[in-house]
C-alpha atoms as a PDB file:
ATOM      1  CA  MET A   1     201.960-130.976-101.689  1.00  0.00           C
ATOM      2  CA  LYS A   2     198.158-130.652-102.155  1.00  0.00           C
ATOM      3  CA  ILE A   3     196.502-133.782-100.965  1.00  0.00           C
ATOM      4  CA  ILE A   4     193.469-134.946-102.718  1.00  0.00           C
ATOM      5  CA  ALA A   5     191.583-137.550-101.573  1.00  0.00           C
ATOM      6  CA  ILE A   6     188.551-139.689-102.620  1.00  0.00           C
ATOM      7  CA  GLY A   7     185.846-140.805 -99.719  1.00  0.00           C
ATOM      8  CA  ARG A   8     183.550-143.451 -99.752  1.00  0.00           C
ATOM      9  CA  ASN A   9     185.499-145.279-102.316  1.00  0.00           C
ATOM     10  CA  TYR A  10     185.265-148.607-100.070  1.00  0.00           C
ATOM     11  CA  ALA A  11     181.695-149.442-100.600  1.00  0.00           C
ATOM     12  CA  GLU A  12     181.780-152.030 -97.257  1.00  0.00           C
ATOM     13  CA  HIS A  13     183.051-149.368 -95.098  1.00  0.00           C
ATOM     14  CA  ALA A  14     180.704-146.930 -96.206  1.00  0.00           C
ATOM     15  CA  LYS A  15     177.839-149.549 -95.697  1.00  0.00           C
ATOM     16  CA  GLU A  16     179.561-150.077 -91.687  1.00  0.00           C
ATOM     17  CA  LEU A  17     179.137-146.487 -91.469  1.00  0.00           C
ATOM     18  CA  ASN A  18     175.764-146.044 -92.876  1.00  0.00           C
ATOM     19  CA  ASN A  19     176.675-143.893 -95.401  1.00  0.00           C
ATOM     20  CA  PRO A  20     175.529-144.663 -99.141  1.00  0.00           C
ATOM     21  CA  VAL A  21     177.784-145.905-101.669  1.00  0.00           C
ATOM     22  CA  PRO A  22     178.158-142.951-104.268  1.00  0.00           C
ATOM     23  CA  THR A  23     177.745-142.878-107.885  1.00  0.00           C
ATOM     24  CA  VAL A  24     180.295-140.510-108.694  1.00  0.00           C
ATOM     25  CA  PRO A  25     183.804-140.070-106.321  1.00  0.00           C
ATOM     26  CA  VAL A  26     183.265-137.945-103.364  1.00  0.00           C
ATOM     27  CA  ILE A  27     186.419-135.761-103.153  1.00  0.00           C
ATOM     28  CA  PHE A  28     187.798-134.132-100.446  1.00  0.00           C
ATOM     29  CA  MET A  29     191.533-131.762 -99.799  1.00  0.00           C
ATOM     30  CA  LYS A  30     193.821-132.263 -96.814  1.00  0.00           C
ATOM     31  CA  PRO A  31     196.180-129.081 -96.396  1.00  0.00           C
ATOM     32  CA  ASP A  32     200.275-129.355 -96.264  1.00  0.00           C
ATOM     33  CA  THR A  33     199.486-128.914 -92.758  1.00  0.00           C
ATOM     34  CA  ALA A  34     197.891-132.192 -92.340  1.00  0.00           C
ATOM     35  CA  LEU A  35     200.980-133.989 -93.845  1.00  0.00           C
ATOM     36  CA  LEU A  36     202.691-136.018 -91.370  1.00  0.00           C
ATOM     37  CA  LYS A  37     206.425-137.400 -92.667  1.00  0.00           C
ATOM     38  CA  ASP A  38     209.693-138.577 -91.434  1.00  0.00           C
ATOM     39  CA  ASN A  39     207.888-140.833 -88.799  1.00  0.00           C
ATOM     40  CA  LYS A  40     207.172-138.068 -86.746  1.00  0.00           C
ATOM     41  CA  PRO A  41     204.814-138.787 -84.039  1.00  0.00           C
ATOM     42  CA  PHE A  42     200.821-138.437 -84.379  1.00  0.00           C
ATOM     43  CA  TYR A  43     199.456-136.304 -81.640  1.00  0.00           C
ATOM     44  CA  HIS A  44     195.545-137.113 -81.019  1.00  0.00           C
ATOM     45  CA  PRO A  45     193.563-133.624 -81.418  1.00  0.00           C
ATOM     46  CA  ASP A  46     192.116-132.613 -78.084  1.00  0.00           C
ATOM     47  CA  PHE A  47     189.174-131.527 -80.178  1.00  0.00           C
ATOM     48  CA  SER A  48     187.968-135.091 -80.692  1.00  0.00           C
ATOM     49  CA  GLU A  49     187.124-138.296 -78.770  1.00  0.00           C
ATOM     50  CA  ASP A  50     186.656-140.228 -81.591  1.00  0.00           C
ATOM     51  CA  ILE A  51     189.512-140.763 -84.078  1.00  0.00           C
ATOM     52  CA  HIS A  52     189.362-143.120 -86.875  1.00  0.00           C
ATOM     53  CA  HIS A  53     192.091-144.570 -89.129  1.00  0.00           C
ATOM     54  CA  GLU A  54     192.444-145.843 -92.581  1.00  0.00           C
ATOM     55  CA  ILE A  55     195.652-147.102 -94.635  1.00  0.00           C
ATOM     56  CA  GLU A  56     195.575-145.808 -98.408  1.00  0.00           C
ATOM     57  CA  VAL A  57     197.931-146.199-101.010  1.00  0.00           C
ATOM     58  CA  VAL A  58     199.581-142.618-101.899  1.00  0.00           C
ATOM     59  CA  LEU A  59     200.191-141.737-105.639  1.00  0.00           C
ATOM     60  CA  LYS A  60     202.800-138.943-106.196  1.00  0.00           C
ATOM     61  CA  VAL A  61     201.497-137.140-109.172  1.00  0.00           C
ATOM     62  CA  CYS A  62     204.350-136.209-111.388  1.00  0.00           C
ATOM     63  CA  LYS A  63     202.707-133.964-114.207  1.00  0.00           C
ATOM     64  CA  GLU A  64     199.675-131.429-114.911  1.00  0.00           C
ATOM     65  CA  GLY A  65     196.852-132.813-116.853  1.00  0.00           C
ATOM     66  CA  LYS A  66     192.904-132.463-117.628  1.00  0.00           C
ATOM     67  CA  HIS A  67     190.666-135.214-118.679  1.00  0.00           C
ATOM     68  CA  ILE A  68     193.196-138.221-118.694  1.00  0.00           C
ATOM     69  CA  ALA A  69     191.989-141.580-120.271  1.00  0.00           C
ATOM     70  CA  GLU A  70     192.054-144.270-118.206  1.00  0.00           C
ATOM     71  CA  LYS A  71     194.645-146.378-120.393  1.00  0.00           C
ATOM     72  CA  PHE A  72     197.299-143.110-119.909  1.00  0.00           C
ATOM     73  CA  ALA A  73     196.519-142.717-115.725  1.00  0.00           C
ATOM     74  CA  ALA A  74     199.808-144.745-114.886  1.00  0.00           C
ATOM     75  CA  ASP A  75     201.868-142.131-116.931  1.00  0.00           C
ATOM     76  CA  TYR A  76     201.021-139.296-114.440  1.00  0.00           C
ATOM     77  CA  TYR A  77     202.274-140.780-110.964  1.00  0.00           C
ATOM     78  CA  ASP A  78     205.556-141.920-110.937  1.00  0.00           C
ATOM     79  CA  GLU A  79     206.015-142.851-106.975  1.00  0.00           C
ATOM     80  CA  LEU A  80     204.030-144.300-104.624  1.00  0.00           C
ATOM     81  CA  ALA A  81     203.316-144.438-100.596  1.00  0.00           C
ATOM     82  CA  LEU A  82     201.402-145.914 -97.847  1.00  0.00           C
ATOM     83  CA  GLY A  83     199.470-143.373 -96.171  1.00  0.00           C
ATOM     84  CA  ILE A  84     196.952-143.011 -93.298  1.00  0.00           C
ATOM     85  CA  ASP A  85     193.884-141.082 -92.963  1.00  0.00           C
ATOM     86  CA  PHE A  86     192.789-139.745 -89.660  1.00  0.00           C
ATOM     87  CA  THR A  87     189.261-139.066 -88.803  1.00  0.00           C
ATOM     88  CA  ALA A  88     187.721-137.528 -86.545  1.00  0.00           C
ATOM     89  CA  ARG A  89     184.671-139.410 -86.353  1.00  0.00           C
ATOM     90  CA  ASP A  90     182.597-137.584 -84.039  1.00  0.00           C
ATOM     91  CA  ILE A  91     183.231-134.035 -86.065  1.00  0.00           C
ATOM     92  CA  GLN A  92     182.549-136.072 -89.057  1.00  0.00           C
ATOM     93  CA  GLN A  93     178.693-137.151 -87.872  1.00  0.00           C
ATOM     94  CA  SER A  94     178.398-133.818 -86.400  1.00  0.00           C
ATOM     95  CA  THR A  95     179.220-131.628 -90.169  1.00  0.00           C
ATOM     96  CA  ARG A  96     177.278-134.599 -91.855  1.00  0.00           C
ATOM     97  CA  LYS A  97     174.374-133.940 -90.371  1.00  0.00           C
ATOM     98  CA  ARG A  98     174.537-130.226 -91.453  1.00  0.00           C
ATOM     99  CA  ALA A  99     175.542-130.870 -94.360  1.00  0.00           C
ATOM    100  CA  CYS A 100     179.121-129.053 -94.294  1.00  0.00           C
ATOM    101  CA  PRO A 101     182.345-130.222 -95.978  1.00  0.00           C
ATOM    102  CA  TRP A 102     184.564-132.615 -94.255  1.00  0.00           C
ATOM    103  CA  GLU A 103     187.519-130.268 -93.618  1.00  0.00           C
ATOM    104  CA  LEU A 104     187.015-129.964 -89.838  1.00  0.00           C
ATOM    105  CA  ALA A 105     186.848-133.750 -89.513  1.00  0.00           C
ATOM    106  CA  LYS A 106     189.734-134.773 -91.841  1.00  0.00           C
ATOM    107  CA  ALA A 107     192.187-131.647 -92.740  1.00  0.00           C
ATOM    108  CA  PHE A 108     193.677-131.399 -89.176  1.00  0.00           C
ATOM    109  CA  ASP A 109     197.219-130.994 -88.605  1.00  0.00           C
ATOM    110  CA  GLY A 110     198.991-134.583 -89.165  1.00  0.00           C
ATOM    111  CA  SER A 111     195.853-135.938 -89.954  1.00  0.00           C
ATOM    112  CA  ALA A 112     198.373-137.323 -92.944  1.00  0.00           C
ATOM    113  CA  PRO A 113     201.265-139.567 -92.210  1.00  0.00           C
ATOM    114  CA  VAL A 114     202.654-140.901 -94.810  1.00  0.00           C
ATOM    115  CA  SER A 115     205.663-143.403 -95.799  1.00  0.00           C
ATOM    116  CA  ASN A 116     208.949-142.708 -97.748  1.00  0.00           C
ATOM    117  CA  PHE A 117     207.767-142.500-101.584  1.00  0.00           C
ATOM    118  CA  VAL A 118     209.083-145.355-103.851  1.00  0.00           C
ATOM    119  CA  PRO A 119     209.741-145.742-107.697  1.00  0.00           C
ATOM    120  CA  LYS A 120     206.165-147.372-108.866  1.00  0.00           C
ATOM    121  CA  SER A 121     209.017-149.618-111.242  1.00  0.00           C
ATOM    122  CA  LYS A 122     210.125-150.570-107.815  1.00  0.00           C
ATOM    123  CA  SER A 123     206.535-150.297-105.279  1.00  0.00           C
ATOM    124  CA  ALA A 124     204.866-153.553-106.356  1.00  0.00           C
ATOM    125  CA  THR A 125     207.837-155.144-103.930  1.00  0.00           C
ATOM    126  CA  TYR A 126     207.424-152.580-101.263  1.00  0.00           C
ATOM    127  CA  ILE A 127     203.792-152.749-100.697  1.00  0.00           C
ATOM    128  CA  ILE A 128     203.831-156.756-101.057  1.00  0.00           C
ATOM    129  CA  LEU A 129     206.459-156.306 -97.999  1.00  0.00           C
ATOM    130  CA  ILE A 130     204.778-153.718 -96.153  1.00  0.00           C
ATOM    131  CA  LEU A 131     201.247-155.711 -96.218  1.00  0.00           C
ATOM    132  CA  SER A 132     203.077-159.058 -95.399  1.00  0.00           C
ATOM    133  CA  TRP A 133     204.308-157.260 -91.959  1.00  0.00           C
ATOM    134  CA  ILE A 134     200.951-155.470 -91.323  1.00  0.00           C
END
């Protein structure tokens, strides 16, 4: 599974971390080894003392496309899940100072736990139930 992620897309979070709010998406990727499924445990990596997390809505892309018009975007995913994006914030701050990519801080093994996927036709009910539980 290819994990394509968007960074700094929450303006308040970017400001909280003293980062500029970008005018175009910041895109990064996570490898298959980052994916953590089936309620397997997350292990805090030994190379970081500052792991942060964000909950994410995960869309499972169901067909290929390029330059998709916004009005057709929903035709290109069929299932949704909730995920966590773990970040080794201390590593990210270090790599940012050197203008290096985020992968060292965001793409480590197990850094992308994901719930079971549900069909998008049923997802609103599941997401409301999950959010009311949180």
